[in-house]
């Protein structure tokens, strides 16, 4: 234990949380630029599909009970860049159309605290169609304080008791990033771990992210009997830790529990929580823990205490679905805080299929290995993994060079499947704040496949959206595309543009000569 004269704070009230909030409010969706804040693992097509399967199962369960008139509100907390919402809505819409069965209506509500994020969602071209269909809305929601939801587009205000259907809450990489208490338990006594902060010397000239990166916490222990009193809202959970842990530091999710209690009050029928995080639900993972280290990735995060959330709500009748095996990177949990959770069979079966048998964490573990082994994979293996990952653009970007190398030996069926994958990839592509020229990679690969019409479409899209001067290779490829498509005027124009950049380009000169003679 440490002592000192620096200003001390209760952990949940330390300035790090105000810095955290400032970071997101200042940057908005740019916080996810070039993965400053991680997002892929919790917002890729694989997890979007898993969530869509569970949501469909829940809608089926409500329909089986005859509850088909009132809408189901799906609230995503900390929706961030918006990619998870897009992936989930797209897959859910596909499943509903494919199933063709009576279901209750639904509305997906993306929420976050920074207004810049909401503005970004409203303007995002892949989200606008869902708004126009009436199945997507937005809300500014403070998970620490707010008691109602004010929907931006429809103007609807959802107050306690308004919802006749259970509220379905999605919270990915959320509970690890909001305030937590830090407790220490030893000899059946609870201590508050207060924190003092050592700031970097140049803090005044550093960005918020840099301060969060370099700040050093020091912990001080104060006896905290108030947690043990019967009037403390979460005393039962604290009491459990008193009697089951020794010499252990506990990140206690008081803010998360309070948030879910307030959300629970919005509905007369309870809630379902789908959440994925660096979160531990097994008690053994909290035994003999040292003080936590702040994990920095633009912002900061800590391990989410799923054990406390599970214990608290199960005392109130909830059923929590977790995997029997241990997670490696992402723990995906489904909590059913309902009057009769066992009766929601389709929801529970969907979790079993989409998470327990093989889920987002398993997929990401495979991806980590494959990222380092593309050079040893054949075309069939590449296509199979791409298909498993929902034809995700990131997988295409990472594998494009290897796919190009495999093209000469690819058979006709593989080439057709590759074209199909490209089409599906673009149907499910959600542009993020970081700039990556996916159209360029797509166009060049299609050019190698002699698919000149499609190649031209994507290469011209790359030129139209690019901020830099065109590259001579792209202009020459476009000239060839036009030539093969018998568009001599287009071929001549692109050839001349290429020669302006590189007057001695031999292939372009040969093409110009051929066009001039033809």
Protein backbone atom coordinates (compact mmCIF):
# COMPACT_ATOMS: atom_id res chain seq x y z
CA UNK A 1 0.00 0.00 0.00
CA UNK A 2 1.18 3.51 -0.77
CA UNK A 3 0.88 6.85 0.91
CA UNK A 4 1.58 10.37 -0.33
CA UNK A 5 0.66 14.02 -0.22
CA UNK A 6 -0.67 14.42 -3.78
CA UNK A 7 -4.35 15.13 -4.19
CA UNK A 8 -6.32 11.95 -3.95
CA UNK A 9 -9.54 11.04 -5.69
CA UNK A 10 -12.06 8.32 -5.45
CA UNK A 11 -11.19 6.21 -8.50
CA UNK A 12 -14.53 6.82 -10.24
CA UNK A 13 -14.11 10.58 -9.71
CA UNK A 14 -10.50 10.91 -10.84
CA UNK A 15 -9.66 13.43 -13.61
CA UNK A 16 -8.84 10.57 -15.99
CA UNK A 17 -12.56 10.18 -16.69
CA UNK A 18 -12.99 13.84 -17.57
CA UNK A 19 -9.98 13.53 -19.87
CA UNK A 20 -11.59 10.44 -21.39
CA UNK A 21 -14.80 12.33 -22.07
CA UNK A 22 -12.89 15.31 -23.51
CA UNK A 23 -10.96 13.04 -25.85
CA UNK A 24 -14.13 11.70 -27.48
CA UNK A 25 -15.94 15.03 -27.51
CA UNK A 26 -12.99 16.77 -29.19
CA UNK A 27 -12.40 14.16 -31.87
CA UNK A 28 -15.85 12.74 -32.52
CA UNK A 29 -15.69 9.98 -35.13
CA UNK A 30 -12.07 10.91 -35.87
CA UNK A 31 -11.19 9.04 -32.66
CA UNK A 32 -11.39 5.89 -34.79
CA UNK A 33 -9.09 7.27 -37.47
CA UNK A 34 -6.47 4.63 -38.29
CA UNK A 35 -7.61 2.54 -35.32
CA UNK A 36 -6.48 5.00 -32.65
CA UNK A 37 -9.35 3.49 -30.70
CA UNK A 38 -9.77 -0.22 -31.52
CA UNK A 39 -13.01 -1.04 -33.30
CA UNK A 40 -12.51 -3.96 -35.68
CA UNK A 41 -12.87 -6.77 -33.16
CA UNK A 42 -16.22 -5.45 -31.89
CA UNK A 43 -17.74 -4.15 -35.14
CA UNK A 44 -16.83 -6.50 -37.99
CA UNK A 45 -19.37 -8.43 -40.09
CA UNK A 46 -18.85 -11.57 -38.00
CA UNK A 47 -20.06 -10.00 -34.76
CA UNK A 48 -22.71 -8.00 -36.61
CA UNK A 49 -24.09 -11.26 -37.98
CA UNK A 50 -24.01 -12.91 -34.54
CA UNK A 51 -25.96 -10.02 -33.05
CA UNK A 52 -28.42 -10.02 -35.95
CA UNK A 53 -29.05 -13.73 -35.37
CA UNK A 54 -29.75 -13.15 -31.67
CA UNK A 55 -31.97 -10.15 -32.37
CA UNK A 56 -33.94 -12.16 -34.92
CA UNK A 57 -34.28 -14.94 -32.35
CA UNK A 58 -35.59 -12.42 -29.82
CA UNK A 59 -38.11 -11.02 -32.32
CA UNK A 60 -39.26 -14.58 -33.00
CA UNK A 61 -39.67 -15.21 -29.28
CA UNK A 62 -41.79 -12.08 -28.89
CA UNK A 63 -43.90 -13.07 -31.90
CA UNK A 64 -44.44 -16.53 -30.41
CA UNK A 65 -45.96 -14.82 -27.38
CA UNK A 66 -48.30 -12.82 -29.58
CA UNK A 67 -46.36 -9.59 -29.00
CA UNK A 68 -46.22 -8.33 -32.57
CA UNK A 69 -47.83 -4.88 -32.43
CA UNK A 70 -45.49 -2.87 -30.18
CA UNK A 71 -42.00 -2.08 -31.48
CA UNK A 72 -38.81 -3.47 -29.98
CA UNK A 73 -36.25 -0.75 -29.26
CA UNK A 74 -32.64 -1.79 -29.81
CA UNK A 75 -30.34 0.66 -28.04
CA UNK A 76 -26.62 0.65 -28.78
CA UNK A 77 -24.55 2.35 -26.08
CA UNK A 78 -21.37 4.09 -27.21
CA UNK A 79 -22.07 3.48 -30.91
CA UNK A 80 -18.84 5.31 -31.81
CA UNK A 81 -17.97 5.21 -35.49
CA UNK A 82 -21.26 3.44 -36.31
CA UNK A 83 -19.85 0.37 -38.00
CA UNK A 84 -21.45 -2.17 -35.65
CA UNK A 85 -24.87 -0.59 -36.10
CA UNK A 86 -24.50 -0.76 -39.89
CA UNK A 87 -23.30 -4.36 -39.91
CA UNK A 88 -26.03 -5.49 -37.52
CA UNK A 89 -28.83 -3.65 -39.31
CA UNK A 90 -27.75 -4.87 -42.72
CA UNK A 91 -27.56 -8.51 -41.61
CA UNK A 92 -30.79 -8.27 -39.61
CA UNK A 93 -32.64 -6.80 -42.59
CA UNK A 94 -31.36 -9.62 -44.80
CA UNK A 95 -32.43 -12.28 -42.29
CA UNK A 96 -35.90 -10.81 -41.83
CA UNK A 97 -36.46 -10.61 -45.58
CA UNK A 98 -35.21 -14.18 -46.03
CA UNK A 99 -37.35 -15.57 -43.19
CA UNK A 100 -40.56 -13.92 -44.37
CA UNK A 101 -42.37 -14.52 -41.06
CA UNK A 102 -44.51 -12.22 -38.89
CA UNK A 103 -42.34 -10.31 -36.43
CA UNK A 104 -42.79 -7.26 -34.22
CA UNK A 105 -41.47 -4.00 -35.68
CA UNK A 106 -38.16 -2.69 -34.36
CA UNK A 107 -36.14 0.50 -34.21
CA UNK A 108 -32.38 0.59 -33.75
CA UNK A 109 -31.17 3.58 -31.73
CA UNK A 110 -27.50 4.53 -31.91
CA UNK A 111 -26.43 6.50 -28.86
CA UNK A 112 -23.30 8.20 -27.62
CA UNK A 113 -22.26 11.25 -25.64
CA UNK A 114 -20.31 13.37 -28.19
CA UNK A 115 -22.58 15.42 -30.44
CA UNK A 116 -19.96 15.18 -33.19
CA UNK A 117 -20.65 11.44 -33.42
CA UNK A 118 -24.38 11.96 -33.86
CA UNK A 119 -23.74 14.55 -36.58
CA UNK A 120 -21.43 12.09 -38.31
CA UNK A 121 -24.06 9.33 -38.23
CA UNK A 122 -26.74 11.61 -39.63
CA UNK A 123 -24.52 12.39 -42.61
CA UNK A 124 -23.16 8.89 -43.24
CA UNK A 125 -24.36 7.59 -46.63
CA UNK A 126 -24.60 3.96 -45.43
CA UNK A 127 -26.83 4.86 -42.46
CA UNK A 128 -29.20 7.29 -44.21
CA UNK A 129 -31.22 4.52 -45.96
CA UNK A 130 -32.02 2.89 -42.60
CA UNK A 131 -33.23 6.23 -41.25
CA UNK A 132 -35.43 6.65 -44.32
CA UNK A 133 -36.88 3.18 -43.74
CA UNK A 134 -37.81 4.20 -40.20
CA UNK A 135 -35.70 1.52 -38.50
CA UNK A 136 -32.81 3.73 -37.33
CA UNK A 137 -32.68 6.75 -35.06
CA UNK A 138 -30.08 8.46 -32.87
CA UNK A 139 -29.87 9.70 -29.30
CA UNK A 140 -27.39 11.58 -27.15
CA UNK A 141 -27.23 9.50 -23.99
CA UNK A 142 -25.10 9.97 -20.89
CA UNK A 143 -24.80 6.51 -19.37
CA UNK A 144 -23.81 7.95 -16.00
CA UNK A 145 -26.83 10.22 -15.51
CA UNK A 146 -29.64 10.07 -18.08
CA UNK A 147 -32.99 8.49 -17.27
CA UNK A 148 -34.73 8.86 -20.66
CA UNK A 149 -34.00 8.61 -24.37
CA UNK A 150 -34.64 11.54 -26.70
CA UNK A 151 -34.61 10.35 -30.30
CA UNK A 152 -33.11 12.89 -32.68
CA UNK A 153 -34.87 12.04 -35.92
CA UNK A 154 -38.40 11.16 -34.80
CA UNK A 155 -38.46 13.51 -31.80
CA UNK A 156 -39.81 10.68 -29.62
CA UNK A 157 -38.92 10.75 -25.92
CA UNK A 158 -38.82 7.37 -24.20
CA UNK A 159 -39.44 7.73 -20.47
CA UNK A 160 -39.58 5.16 -17.64
CA UNK A 161 -42.40 2.69 -18.20
CA UNK A 162 -43.04 3.70 -21.81
CA UNK A 163 -41.91 0.49 -23.53
CA UNK A 164 -44.28 -2.46 -23.75
CA UNK A 165 -41.55 -4.71 -25.18
CA UNK A 166 -38.28 -5.50 -23.40
CA UNK A 167 -35.47 -3.09 -24.24
CA UNK A 168 -32.63 -4.74 -26.15
CA UNK A 169 -29.30 -3.12 -25.24
CA UNK A 170 -26.03 -3.52 -27.16
CA UNK A 171 -22.81 -2.46 -25.44
CA UNK A 172 -19.52 -3.31 -27.15
CA UNK A 173 -16.26 -1.93 -25.75
CA UNK A 174 -18.42 0.25 -23.54
CA UNK A 175 -18.36 -0.92 -19.94
CA UNK A 176 -14.55 -1.02 -20.02
CA UNK A 177 -14.43 2.69 -20.84
CA UNK A 178 -16.82 4.30 -18.36
CA UNK A 179 -16.22 5.09 -14.71
CA UNK A 180 -15.59 2.21 -12.32
CA UNK A 181 -14.95 2.03 -8.61
CA UNK A 182 -11.72 0.41 -7.50
CA UNK A 183 -12.03 -1.66 -4.34
CA UNK A 184 -9.60 -3.77 -2.41
CA UNK A 185 -10.76 -6.68 -0.32
CA UNK A 186 -8.71 -8.44 2.33
CA UNK A 187 -9.64 -10.26 5.54
CA UNK A 188 -13.33 -9.70 4.76
CA UNK A 189 -12.90 -5.93 4.75
CA UNK A 190 -13.49 -3.48 1.91
CA UNK A 191 -11.09 -0.64 1.13
CA UNK A 192 -11.52 2.21 -1.33
CA UNK A 193 -8.52 2.46 -3.62
CA UNK A 194 -8.12 6.17 -3.98
CA UNK A 195 -5.86 7.40 -6.73
CA UNK A 196 -3.38 10.24 -7.09
CA UNK A 197 -2.08 11.12 -10.51
CA UNK A 198 1.40 11.99 -11.67
CA UNK A 199 1.10 14.08 -14.82
CA UNK A 200 3.81 14.24 -17.50
CA UNK A 201 6.02 17.33 -17.25
CA UNK A 202 4.85 18.71 -20.60
CA UNK A 203 1.16 18.04 -19.96
CA UNK A 204 0.15 21.61 -20.81
CA UNK A 205 1.46 21.26 -24.36
CA UNK A 206 0.36 17.66 -24.95
CA UNK A 207 -2.84 16.37 -26.54
CA UNK A 208 -5.47 14.74 -24.36
CA UNK A 209 -4.52 11.35 -25.74
CA UNK A 210 -0.85 11.92 -24.94
CA UNK A 211 -1.69 12.94 -21.37
CA UNK A 212 -3.81 9.80 -20.94
CA UNK A 213 -0.93 7.76 -22.32
CA UNK A 214 1.71 9.16 -19.97
CA UNK A 215 -0.26 9.77 -16.78
CA UNK A 216 0.84 7.56 -13.90
CA UNK A 217 -1.67 6.52 -11.22
CA UNK A 218 -0.67 5.81 -7.63
CA UNK A 219 -3.08 4.02 -5.32
CA UNK A 220 -3.90 4.71 -1.68
CA UNK A 221 -6.09 2.54 0.52
CA UNK A 222 -8.84 3.82 2.77
CA UNK A 223 -11.19 1.67 4.80
CA UNK A 224 -14.63 1.95 3.19
CA UNK A 225 -17.28 0.41 5.41
CA UNK A 226 -20.03 2.26 3.51
CA UNK A 227 -19.90 -0.39 0.78
CA UNK A 228 -20.82 -2.96 3.40
CA UNK A 229 -23.89 -1.10 4.67
CA UNK A 230 -27.32 -2.43 3.74
CA UNK A 231 -28.34 0.84 2.10
CA UNK A 232 -25.54 0.64 -0.50
CA UNK A 233 -27.39 -0.27 -3.73
CA UNK A 234 -25.01 -3.07 -4.68
CA UNK A 235 -24.20 -4.32 -1.19
CA UNK A 236 -25.04 -7.94 -2.05
CA UNK A 237 -22.30 -8.05 -4.66
CA UNK A 238 -19.77 -6.41 -2.33
CA UNK A 239 -20.71 -8.88 0.39
CA UNK A 240 -20.08 -11.75 -2.00
CA UNK A 241 -16.58 -10.45 -2.68
CA UNK A 242 -15.96 -9.98 1.05
CA UNK A 243 -16.56 -13.66 1.64
CA UNK A 244 -14.96 -15.10 -1.48
CA UNK A 245 -11.88 -12.99 -2.23
CA UNK A 246 -8.64 -12.25 -0.40
CA UNK A 247 -5.93 -9.71 -1.23
CA UNK A 248 -7.75 -8.74 -4.43
CA UNK A 249 -8.33 -5.52 -6.33
CA UNK A 250 -11.78 -5.31 -7.89
CA UNK A 251 -12.89 -2.97 -10.63
CA UNK A 252 -16.45 -2.51 -9.45
CA UNK A 253 -18.97 -1.47 -12.16
CA UNK A 254 -21.24 0.75 -10.10
CA UNK A 255 -21.80 3.10 -13.05
CA UNK A 256 -22.59 0.19 -15.39
CA UNK A 257 -25.01 -1.37 -12.90
CA UNK A 258 -26.72 1.97 -12.32
CA UNK A 259 -26.94 2.55 -16.08
CA UNK A 260 -28.60 -0.81 -16.67
CA UNK A 261 -31.01 -0.23 -13.77
CA UNK A 262 -32.09 3.09 -15.30
CA UNK A 263 -32.49 1.50 -18.72
CA UNK A 264 -34.44 -1.35 -17.17
CA UNK A 265 -37.01 1.16 -15.94
CA UNK A 266 -37.75 2.32 -19.49
CA UNK A 267 -39.57 -0.94 -20.16
CA UNK A 268 -42.34 -2.72 -18.30
CA UNK A 269 -40.91 -6.04 -19.51
CA UNK A 270 -37.20 -5.89 -18.61
CA UNK A 271 -34.19 -5.94 -20.92
CA UNK A 272 -31.80 -8.08 -22.91
CA UNK A 273 -28.15 -7.09 -22.94
CA UNK A 274 -25.74 -8.11 -25.70
CA UNK A 275 -22.24 -7.05 -24.72
CA UNK A 276 -18.70 -7.81 -25.84
CA UNK A 277 -15.59 -6.59 -24.11
CA UNK A 278 -12.38 -7.37 -22.33
CA UNK A 279 -14.59 -8.50 -19.50
CA UNK A 280 -14.31 -11.34 -16.99
CA UNK A 281 -17.36 -13.19 -15.67
CA UNK A 282 -15.41 -15.89 -13.84
CA UNK A 283 -14.62 -15.18 -10.19
CA UNK A 284 -11.22 -16.87 -10.44
CA UNK A 285 -10.06 -14.10 -12.78
CA UNK A 286 -10.56 -11.55 -10.02
CA UNK A 287 -8.65 -13.46 -7.36
CA UNK A 288 -5.44 -11.88 -6.01
CA UNK A 289 -5.44 -9.17 -8.67
CA UNK A 290 -2.90 -6.35 -8.50
CA UNK A 291 -4.03 -2.73 -9.04
CA UNK A 292 -5.13 -2.23 -12.65
CA UNK A 293 -3.02 -0.64 -15.35
CA UNK A 294 -4.65 1.87 -17.66
CA UNK A 295 -4.73 0.40 -21.18
CA UNK A 296 -4.07 3.19 -23.66
CA UNK A 297 -5.25 3.23 -27.28
CA UNK A 298 -6.00 6.87 -27.98
CA UNK A 299 -8.34 6.78 -25.00
CA UNK A 300 -8.03 4.45 -22.01
CA UNK A 301 -9.86 1.32 -20.94
CA UNK A 302 -9.95 -1.19 -18.10
CA UNK A 303 -11.26 -4.71 -17.75
CA UNK A 304 -15.04 -4.85 -17.49
CA UNK A 305 -16.37 -6.72 -14.47
CA UNK A 306 -18.99 -8.98 -16.03
CA UNK A 307 -18.95 -11.14 -12.90
CA UNK A 308 -20.42 -8.36 -10.77
CA UNK A 309 -23.05 -7.55 -13.41
CA UNK A 310 -24.01 -11.20 -13.76
CA UNK A 311 -24.21 -11.77 -10.01
CA UNK A 312 -26.26 -8.63 -9.37
CA UNK A 313 -28.89 -9.21 -12.03
CA UNK A 314 -29.12 -12.96 -11.51
CA UNK A 315 -30.16 -12.21 -7.94
CA UNK A 316 -33.08 -10.38 -9.58
CA UNK A 317 -34.00 -13.30 -11.85
CA UNK A 318 -31.84 -12.74 -14.91
CA UNK A 319 -30.31 -15.53 -16.97
CA UNK A 320 -26.81 -14.96 -18.33
CA UNK A 321 -25.45 -16.76 -21.36
CA UNK A 322 -21.68 -17.16 -21.49
CA UNK A 323 -19.42 -19.61 -23.28
CA UNK A 324 -18.25 -22.70 -21.36
CA UNK A 325 -14.80 -22.22 -22.86
CA UNK A 326 -12.47 -19.37 -21.96
CA UNK A 327 -12.28 -16.33 -24.18
CA UNK A 328 -9.00 -15.00 -25.52
CA UNK A 329 -9.68 -11.50 -26.87
CA UNK A 330 -13.40 -10.78 -26.56
CA UNK A 331 -15.99 -12.06 -24.10
CA UNK A 332 -19.47 -12.02 -25.68
CA UNK A 333 -22.27 -12.16 -23.13
CA UNK A 334 -26.05 -12.24 -23.46
CA UNK A 335 -28.06 -11.34 -20.35
CA UNK A 336 -31.82 -11.86 -20.28
CA UNK A 337 -33.34 -9.74 -17.53
CA UNK A 338 -36.86 -10.94 -18.30
CA UNK A 339 -39.79 -12.38 -16.41
CA UNK A 340 -39.34 -15.74 -18.12
CA UNK A 341 -35.90 -15.93 -19.75
CA UNK A 342 -36.18 -19.71 -20.34
CA UNK A 343 -39.17 -19.12 -22.62
CA UNK A 344 -37.03 -17.09 -25.04
CA UNK A 345 -35.81 -20.22 -26.76
CA UNK A 346 -34.87 -18.75 -30.14
CA UNK A 347 -32.70 -16.09 -28.48
CA UNK A 348 -30.85 -18.71 -26.46
CA UNK A 349 -30.43 -21.01 -29.46
CA UNK A 350 -29.03 -18.13 -31.51
CA UNK A 351 -26.41 -17.47 -28.82
CA UNK A 352 -25.51 -21.14 -28.84
CA UNK A 353 -25.07 -21.15 -32.64
CA UNK A 354 -23.46 -17.74 -33.15
CA UNK A 355 -21.29 -17.33 -30.06
CA UNK A 356 -20.85 -20.56 -28.11
CA UNK A 357 -20.22 -23.01 -30.96
CA UNK A 358 -18.05 -20.62 -32.96
CA UNK A 359 -18.22 -16.92 -32.31
CA UNK A 360 -16.56 -13.54 -32.74
CA UNK A 361 -13.73 -14.36 -30.33
CA UNK A 362 -12.91 -17.60 -32.17
CA UNK A 363 -12.97 -15.76 -35.48
CA UNK A 364 -10.61 -13.07 -34.23
CA UNK A 365 -8.18 -15.68 -32.87
CA UNK A 366 -8.10 -17.28 -36.31
CA UNK A 367 -7.64 -13.89 -37.95
CA UNK A 368 -4.61 -13.09 -35.79
CA UNK A 369 -2.95 -16.27 -37.06
CA UNK A 370 -4.02 -15.80 -40.68
CA UNK A 371 -2.77 -12.20 -40.72
CA UNK A 372 0.74 -13.62 -40.40
CA UNK A 373 0.29 -16.57 -42.74
CA UNK A 374 -1.36 -15.29 -45.91
CA UNK A 375 1.69 -16.26 -47.94
CA UNK A 376 1.11 -19.95 -47.20
CA UNK A 377 -2.58 -19.99 -48.10
CA UNK A 378 -4.16 -21.14 -51.36
CA UNK A 379 -7.06 -19.52 -53.17
CA UNK A 380 -9.67 -21.88 -51.69
CA UNK A 381 -8.46 -21.16 -48.16
CA UNK A 382 -8.46 -17.42 -48.82
CA UNK A 383 -12.00 -17.51 -50.19
CA UNK A 384 -13.26 -19.69 -47.35
CA UNK A 385 -11.91 -17.39 -44.64
CA UNK A 386 -13.17 -14.30 -46.46
CA UNK A 387 -16.60 -15.91 -46.67
CA UNK A 388 -16.46 -16.80 -42.95
CA UNK A 389 -15.61 -13.17 -42.17
CA UNK A 390 -18.65 -11.88 -44.07
CA UNK A 391 -16.58 -10.67 -47.06
CA UNK A 392 -15.08 -7.96 -44.88
CA UNK A 393 -13.11 -5.21 -46.60
CA UNK A 394 -10.26 -5.40 -44.09
CA UNK A 395 -9.66 -9.04 -44.96
CA UNK A 396 -9.61 -8.13 -48.66
CA UNK A 397 -7.14 -5.30 -48.08
CA UNK A 398 -4.80 -7.55 -46.11
CA UNK A 399 -4.96 -10.42 -48.60
CA UNK A 400 -5.09 -8.55 -51.94
CA UNK A 401 -1.38 -9.02 -52.67
CA UNK A 402 -1.58 -12.77 -52.02
CA UNK A 403 -4.78 -13.12 -54.05
CA UNK A 404 -3.06 -11.33 -56.93
CA UNK A 405 -0.19 -13.77 -56.79
CA UNK A 406 -2.60 -16.72 -56.92
CA UNK A 407 -4.62 -15.45 -59.91
CA UNK A 408 -2.55 -17.13 -62.68
CA UNK A 409 -3.35 -20.60 -61.27
CA UNK A 410 -6.96 -19.90 -60.25
CA UNK A 411 -9.67 -21.90 -61.99
CA UNK A 412 -12.85 -20.42 -63.44
CA UNK A 413 -14.98 -21.25 -60.40
CA UNK A 414 -12.50 -19.56 -58.05
CA UNK A 415 -12.48 -16.45 -60.23
CA UNK A 416 -16.27 -16.34 -60.23
CA UNK A 417 -16.34 -16.72 -56.44
CA UNK A 418 -13.79 -13.94 -56.14
CA UNK A 419 -16.01 -11.65 -58.24
CA UNK A 420 -19.02 -12.59 -56.08
CA UNK A 421 -17.02 -11.81 -52.94
CA UNK A 422 -16.03 -8.38 -54.29
CA UNK A 423 -19.68 -7.57 -54.96
CA UNK A 424 -20.74 -8.68 -51.47
CA UNK A 425 -17.82 -6.80 -49.90
CA UNK A 426 -18.94 -3.53 -51.48
CA UNK A 427 -22.56 -4.15 -50.49
CA UNK A 428 -21.40 -4.42 -46.88
CA UNK A 429 -18.66 -1.77 -46.92
CA UNK A 430 -18.89 0.94 -44.26
CA UNK A 431 -16.39 3.76 -44.90
CA UNK A 432 -14.56 4.77 -41.73
CA UNK A 433 -12.92 8.11 -40.88
CA UNK A 434 -9.50 6.86 -41.98
CA UNK A 435 -8.82 7.16 -45.68
CA UNK A 436 -8.12 3.91 -47.50
CA UNK A 437 -8.55 3.55 -51.24
CA UNK A 438 -10.49 0.29 -51.36
CA UNK A 439 -11.78 1.15 -54.83
CA UNK A 440 -8.20 1.28 -56.13
CA UNK A 441 -7.30 -2.18 -54.79
CA UNK A 442 -10.57 -3.56 -56.12
CA UNK A 443 -10.12 -2.03 -59.56
CA UNK A 444 -6.54 -3.21 -59.96
CA UNK A 445 -7.39 -6.77 -58.95
CA UNK A 446 -10.32 -6.88 -61.37
CA UNK A 447 -7.99 -5.54 -64.05
CA UNK A 448 -5.67 -8.51 -63.47
CA UNK A 449 -8.73 -10.74 -63.85
CA UNK A 450 -9.52 -9.16 -67.25
CA UNK A 451 -12.82 -7.85 -65.87
CA UNK A 452 -12.43 -4.55 -67.65
CA UNK A 453 -15.93 -3.17 -67.16
CA UNK A 454 -15.93 -3.66 -63.40
CA UNK A 455 -12.28 -2.61 -63.14
CA UNK A 456 -13.07 0.67 -64.91
CA UNK A 457 -15.98 1.34 -62.57
CA UNK A 458 -13.86 1.01 -59.44
CA UNK A 459 -10.79 2.77 -60.79
CA UNK A 460 -12.92 5.74 -61.84
CA UNK A 461 -14.49 5.72 -58.38
CA UNK A 462 -10.97 5.83 -56.91
CA UNK A 463 -10.11 8.85 -59.07
CA UNK A 464 -13.33 10.64 -58.19
CA UNK A 465 -12.87 10.22 -54.44
CA UNK A 466 -9.10 10.69 -54.31
CA UNK A 467 -7.53 13.82 -52.88
CA UNK A 468 -4.15 13.35 -54.59
CA UNK A 469 -2.99 13.54 -58.18
CA UNK A 470 -3.78 10.34 -60.14
CA UNK A 471 -1.03 7.73 -60.52
CA UNK A 472 0.11 6.93 -64.02
CA UNK A 473 -0.50 3.19 -63.50
CA UNK A 474 -4.16 3.82 -62.75
CA UNK A 475 -4.59 6.06 -65.79
CA UNK A 476 -2.92 3.50 -68.04
CA UNK A 477 -5.09 0.68 -66.65
CA UNK A 478 -8.16 2.82 -67.30
CA UNK A 479 -6.98 3.43 -70.86
CA UNK A 480 -6.65 -0.32 -71.41
CA UNK A 481 -10.08 -0.92 -69.88
CA UNK A 482 -11.63 1.57 -72.27
CA UNK A 483 -9.71 0.07 -75.19
CA UNK A 484 -10.93 -3.45 -74.38
CA UNK A 485 -14.46 -2.09 -74.01
CA UNK A 486 -14.15 -0.47 -77.45
CA UNK A 487 -14.40 3.02 -76.00
CA UNK A 488 -11.62 4.55 -78.06
CA UNK A 489 -12.41 8.11 -76.97
CA UNK A 490 -12.07 7.16 -73.31
CA UNK A 491 -8.90 5.19 -74.00
CA UNK A 492 -7.38 8.17 -75.81
CA UNK A 493 -8.25 10.58 -73.00
CA UNK A 494 -6.75 8.40 -70.25
CA UNK A 495 -3.67 7.67 -72.37
CA UNK A 496 -3.02 11.38 -72.85
CA UNK A 497 -3.46 12.03 -69.13
CA UNK A 498 -0.95 9.26 -68.37
CA UNK A 499 1.58 10.74 -70.78
CA UNK A 500 1.24 14.19 -69.20
CA UNK A 501 2.49 12.66 -65.96
CA UNK A 502 5.10 10.36 -67.56
CA UNK A 503 5.87 11.37 -71.18
CA UNK A 504 8.20 8.41 -71.76
CA UNK A 505 5.75 5.73 -70.57
CA UNK A 506 6.40 3.08 -73.25
CA UNK A 507 3.12 1.15 -72.97
CA UNK A 508 1.09 4.36 -73.06
CA UNK A 509 3.03 5.56 -76.12
CA UNK A 510 2.35 2.24 -77.87
CA UNK A 511 -1.34 2.49 -77.02
CA UNK A 512 -1.48 6.08 -78.26
CA UNK A 513 0.10 5.00 -81.52
CA UNK A 514 -2.40 2.14 -81.92
CA UNK A 515 -5.32 4.46 -81.21
CA UNK A 516 -4.02 7.08 -83.65
CA UNK A 517 -3.74 4.50 -86.43
CA UNK A 518 -7.11 2.91 -85.64
